[in-house]
Amino acid sequence: MAHPLQLGFQDAMSPIMEELLHFHDHTLMIVFLISTLVLYIITLMMTTKLTYTNTMNAQEVEMIWTILPAIVLITIALPSLRVLYLMDEINNPHLTIKAMGHQWYWTYEYTDYENLEFDSYMIPTQDLPNGHFRLLEVDHRMVMPMESPIRMLISTEYDYHYWAVPSLGVMMHAIPAQYNQVTYSNTRTGVWMPLTNLSSQPQLHTNRSSIRTLITLWSLIFINAF
């Protein structure tokens, strides 16, 4: 989970998030090299006193500064397209979970099992046990198997929500009367802190953004126990 003074992303818990982190580092390296080159040229122009007045044209230089940006854009676009296609890839899911957003809570339904549905409410601060996270703990956690493709069907009853798990590289909007689908898998066990929000009424945005859920990644045997 996130911690104070954190400068980078959360640890990747899924293959998609690992690809996103690699793409971020790749793009950041290119930006750093471009910034260094531009800073060097600006410094050189400000410090040197030499000028060459006989140059009428420089086709080689013009060709370089035309082709070089195109090459840079290609080196960014190709990995970006790869990550986008990987995020849209839908494998045969081992488990389908339906998440329905409400005004103050979320409802989770395991569609592969009969009558397996529960509501997840945030635990009030006054009822929070010692050592637990304020505005993050819930009374019922959603459970997922480890290293298995999971399909989430996300919607909302009335208001506009979003459901996101940064460590898994998942972010999906919840829209009334429509189910949005996202598929992912995880690589380790643990407790993840999703981000959920209600943004239909700006004046209530801060109060209602305290809706949270917890995802505990256990083995598939636990799911089969139901």
Protein backbone atom coordinates (compact mmCIF):
# COMPACT_ATOMS: atom_id res chain seq x y z
CA MET A 1 0.00 0.00 0.00
CA ALA A 2 0.99 3.65 -0.23
CA HIS A 3 3.09 5.21 2.53
CA PRO A 4 4.07 8.78 3.47
CA LEU A 5 6.66 10.53 1.27
CA GLN A 6 6.32 7.85 -1.39
CA LEU A 7 7.88 8.97 -4.68
CA GLY A 8 7.21 5.94 -6.88
CA PHE A 9 4.40 3.53 -7.58
CA GLN A 10 3.19 0.81 -5.29
CA ASP A 11 4.78 -2.62 -5.65
CA ALA A 12 3.41 -4.49 -8.64
CA MET A 13 1.15 -7.41 -7.71
CA SER A 14 0.11 -8.43 -11.22
CA PRO A 15 1.81 -8.96 -14.61
CA ILE A 16 -0.07 -5.98 -16.07
CA MET A 17 1.21 -3.66 -13.35
CA GLU A 18 4.75 -4.91 -13.93
CA GLU A 19 4.43 -4.05 -17.62
CA LEU A 20 3.10 -0.60 -16.72
CA LEU A 21 6.07 0.01 -14.41
CA HIS A 22 8.52 -1.09 -17.11
CA PHE A 23 6.86 1.23 -19.62
CA HIS A 24 6.97 4.08 -17.11
CA ASP A 25 10.70 3.56 -16.51
CA HIS A 26 11.33 3.28 -20.26
CA THR A 27 9.49 6.53 -21.01
CA LEU A 28 11.07 8.33 -18.07
CA MET A 29 14.54 7.38 -19.32
CA ILE A 30 13.78 8.84 -22.76
CA VAL A 31 12.43 12.05 -21.20
CA PHE A 32 15.55 12.33 -19.04
CA LEU A 33 17.86 11.94 -22.05
CA ILE A 34 15.92 14.53 -24.06
CA SER A 35 15.94 16.98 -21.14
CA THR A 36 19.69 16.50 -20.68
CA LEU A 37 20.37 17.12 -24.37
CA VAL A 38 18.21 20.25 -24.47
CA LEU A 39 19.81 21.61 -21.29
CA TYR A 40 23.27 20.99 -22.73
CA ILE A 41 22.43 22.82 -25.97
CA ILE A 42 20.92 25.77 -24.10
CA THR A 43 23.97 26.01 -21.84
CA LEU A 44 26.29 25.81 -24.83
CA MET A 45 24.43 28.59 -26.65
CA MET A 46 24.51 30.86 -23.59
CA THR A 47 28.19 30.36 -22.81
CA THR A 48 29.86 30.28 -26.23
CA LYS A 49 30.76 33.51 -28.04
CA LEU A 50 31.59 31.96 -31.39
CA THR A 51 29.32 32.40 -34.41
CA TYR A 52 29.51 31.13 -38.00
CA THR A 53 28.03 33.67 -40.38
CA ASN A 54 28.74 31.87 -43.66
CA THR A 55 26.19 29.09 -43.15
CA MET A 56 23.26 29.56 -45.53
CA ASN A 57 21.59 26.18 -45.00
CA ALA A 58 22.18 22.93 -43.14
CA GLN A 59 20.15 20.17 -44.71
CA GLU A 60 21.91 17.46 -42.71
CA VAL A 61 20.98 19.13 -39.43
CA GLU A 62 17.39 19.68 -40.58
CA MET A 63 17.14 16.01 -41.56
CA ILE A 64 18.45 14.92 -38.17
CA TRP A 65 16.04 17.06 -36.13
CA THR A 66 13.16 15.85 -38.30
CA ILE A 67 13.94 12.12 -38.19
CA LEU A 68 15.15 11.93 -34.59
CA PRO A 69 11.84 13.02 -32.97
CA ALA A 70 9.98 10.50 -35.13
CA ILE A 71 12.30 7.73 -33.92
CA VAL A 72 11.76 8.82 -30.31
CA LEU A 73 7.98 8.74 -30.75
CA ILE A 74 8.16 5.26 -32.27
CA THR A 75 10.25 3.97 -29.36
CA ILE A 76 7.52 5.23 -27.01
CA ALA A 77 4.51 4.20 -29.10
CA LEU A 78 5.45 0.55 -29.69
CA PRO A 79 5.77 -0.41 -25.98
CA SER A 80 2.64 1.62 -25.24
CA LEU A 81 0.59 -0.30 -27.81
CA ARG A 82 1.90 -3.58 -26.42
CA VAL A 83 0.77 -2.69 -22.90
CA LEU A 84 -2.63 -1.53 -24.18
CA TYR A 85 -3.24 -4.80 -25.99
CA LEU A 86 -2.16 -6.78 -22.93
CA MET A 87 -4.60 -4.83 -20.76
CA ASP A 88 -7.47 -5.51 -23.19
CA GLU A 89 -6.65 -9.20 -23.52
CA ILE A 90 -9.37 -11.37 -21.99
CA ASN A 91 -8.36 -14.91 -21.07
CA ASN A 92 -10.71 -17.60 -19.86
CA PRO A 93 -11.48 -16.38 -16.33
CA HIS A 94 -11.42 -18.87 -13.47
CA LEU A 95 -13.69 -16.65 -11.41
CA THR A 96 -16.18 -13.88 -12.18
CA ILE A 97 -16.99 -11.30 -9.50
CA LYS A 98 -19.71 -8.70 -9.90
CA ALA A 99 -19.14 -5.44 -8.00
CA MET A 100 -22.14 -3.13 -7.61
CA GLY A 101 -21.49 0.33 -6.21
CA HIS A 102 -24.02 1.98 -3.90
CA GLN A 103 -24.09 5.32 -2.18
CA TRP A 104 -22.19 4.20 0.93
CA TYR A 105 -21.08 0.62 0.27
CA TRP A 106 -20.25 -2.00 -2.35
CA THR A 107 -21.97 -5.30 -3.07
CA TYR A 108 -19.89 -8.23 -4.31
CA GLU A 109 -21.40 -11.27 -5.99
CA TYR A 110 -19.54 -14.42 -7.02
CA THR A 111 -21.54 -15.33 -10.10
CA ASP A 112 -19.97 -18.80 -10.43
CA TYR A 113 -21.47 -19.85 -7.09
CA GLU A 114 -25.08 -19.90 -6.00
CA ASN A 115 -26.20 -17.35 -3.41
CA LEU A 116 -22.70 -16.09 -2.67
CA GLU A 117 -23.20 -12.34 -2.25
CA PHE A 118 -22.36 -9.85 0.48
CA ASP A 119 -22.22 -6.12 1.21
CA SER A 120 -18.97 -4.40 2.15
CA TYR A 121 -19.24 -1.38 4.47
CA MET A 122 -16.44 0.82 5.70
CA ILE A 123 -15.76 0.42 9.43
CA PRO A 124 -16.38 3.72 11.28
CA THR A 125 -13.38 5.29 12.98
CA GLN A 126 -14.84 4.85 16.46
CA ASP A 127 -15.26 1.09 15.88
CA LEU A 128 -11.85 0.56 14.31
CA PRO A 129 -9.62 -2.00 16.12
CA ASN A 130 -6.09 -1.01 17.07
CA GLY A 131 -3.55 -1.40 14.29
CA HIS A 132 -6.10 -1.16 11.46
CA PHE A 133 -6.17 1.50 8.77
CA ARG A 134 -8.58 4.41 9.11
CA LEU A 135 -11.01 4.89 6.20
CA LEU A 136 -9.69 1.71 4.57
CA GLU A 137 -10.98 -1.19 6.67
CA VAL A 138 -14.30 -2.84 5.82
CA ASP A 139 -16.48 -5.37 7.58
CA HIS A 140 -16.40 -7.92 4.73
CA ARG A 141 -13.42 -8.31 2.42
CA MET A 142 -13.60 -9.53 -1.12
CA VAL A 143 -11.63 -12.76 -1.61
CA MET A 144 -9.78 -13.73 -4.79
CA PRO A 145 -7.66 -16.76 -5.71
CA MET A 146 -3.98 -16.33 -6.42
CA GLU A 147 -2.43 -16.68 -9.90
CA SER A 148 -5.78 -17.15 -11.61
CA PRO A 149 -7.49 -14.94 -14.21
CA ILE A 150 -10.23 -12.93 -12.50
CA ARG A 151 -12.99 -11.10 -14.35
CA MET A 152 -14.61 -8.14 -12.63
CA LEU A 153 -18.01 -6.86 -13.77
CA ILE A 154 -18.34 -3.36 -12.33
CA SER A 155 -21.45 -1.22 -12.23
CA THR A 156 -23.29 1.13 -9.91
CA GLU A 157 -26.87 1.54 -8.78
CA TYR A 158 -27.36 5.30 -9.02
CA ASP A 159 -24.25 7.44 -8.86
CA TYR A 160 -21.03 7.46 -10.85
CA HIS A 161 -18.18 5.53 -9.16
CA TYR A 162 -14.83 4.10 -10.07
CA TRP A 163 -13.14 0.97 -8.75
CA ALA A 164 -9.34 0.84 -8.83
CA VAL A 165 -6.53 -1.25 -7.33
CA PRO A 166 -3.21 0.53 -8.04
CA SER A 167 -0.99 -2.42 -7.09
CA LEU A 168 -2.84 -4.63 -9.60
CA GLY A 169 -2.92 -2.03 -12.37
CA VAL A 170 -6.73 -2.03 -12.42
CA MET A 171 -8.96 1.02 -12.80
CA MET A 172 -12.52 0.85 -14.11
CA HIS A 173 -15.44 3.28 -14.06
CA ALA A 174 -18.79 2.18 -12.67
CA ILE A 175 -21.72 3.56 -14.67
CA PRO A 176 -25.43 3.03 -13.88
CA ALA A 177 -27.27 0.48 -16.06
CA GLN A 178 -24.00 -0.70 -17.62
CA TYR A 179 -21.41 -3.33 -16.70
CA ASN A 180 -17.78 -2.58 -17.46
CA GLN A 181 -15.42 -5.53 -17.61
CA VAL A 182 -11.79 -5.88 -16.58
CA THR A 183 -9.66 -9.01 -16.36
CA TYR A 184 -6.51 -9.41 -14.28
CA SER A 185 -4.50 -11.86 -12.19
CA ASN A 186 -2.26 -11.52 -9.16
CA THR A 187 1.16 -12.96 -8.38
CA ARG A 188 1.27 -13.00 -4.59
CA THR A 189 -0.96 -13.20 -1.54
CA GLY A 190 -1.81 -10.24 0.65
CA VAL A 191 -4.31 -7.53 1.42
CA TRP A 192 -4.76 -4.79 -1.19
CA MET A 193 -6.34 -1.39 -0.71
CA PRO A 194 -8.57 -0.42 -3.66
CA LEU A 195 -9.57 3.16 -4.38
CA THR A 196 -13.25 3.85 -4.82
CA ASN A 197 -14.95 7.16 -5.29
CA LEU A 198 -18.27 8.84 -5.89
CA SER A 199 -18.13 11.85 -8.18
CA SER A 200 -21.68 12.60 -9.22
CA GLN A 201 -22.07 15.46 -6.72
CA PRO A 202 -18.94 17.62 -6.37
CA GLN A 203 -20.02 19.14 -3.08
CA LEU A 204 -20.15 15.67 -1.49
CA HIS A 205 -17.06 14.36 -3.21
CA THR A 206 -14.80 14.48 -0.15
CA ASN A 207 -17.23 12.82 2.26
CA ARG A 208 -18.16 9.99 -0.04
CA SER A 209 -14.65 9.21 -1.18
CA SER A 210 -14.14 7.30 2.09
CA ILE A 211 -15.78 4.21 0.61
CA ARG A 212 -13.11 1.50 0.59
CA THR A 213 -12.81 -2.25 0.19
CA LEU A 214 -10.07 -4.73 0.96
CA ILE A 215 -9.06 -7.59 -1.27
CA THR A 216 -7.47 -10.63 0.35
CA LEU A 217 -5.70 -12.94 -2.09
CA TRP A 218 -6.03 -16.51 -0.88
CA SER A 219 -5.89 -19.86 -2.65
CA LEU A 220 -8.56 -21.22 -4.95
CA ILE A 221 -9.28 -23.91 -2.36
CA PHE A 222 -10.87 -21.28 -0.12
CA ILE A 223 -13.24 -20.26 -2.89
CA ASN A 224 -14.19 -23.87 -3.53
CA ALA A 225 -15.08 -24.21 0.13
CA PHE A 226 -18.23 -22.20 -0.56
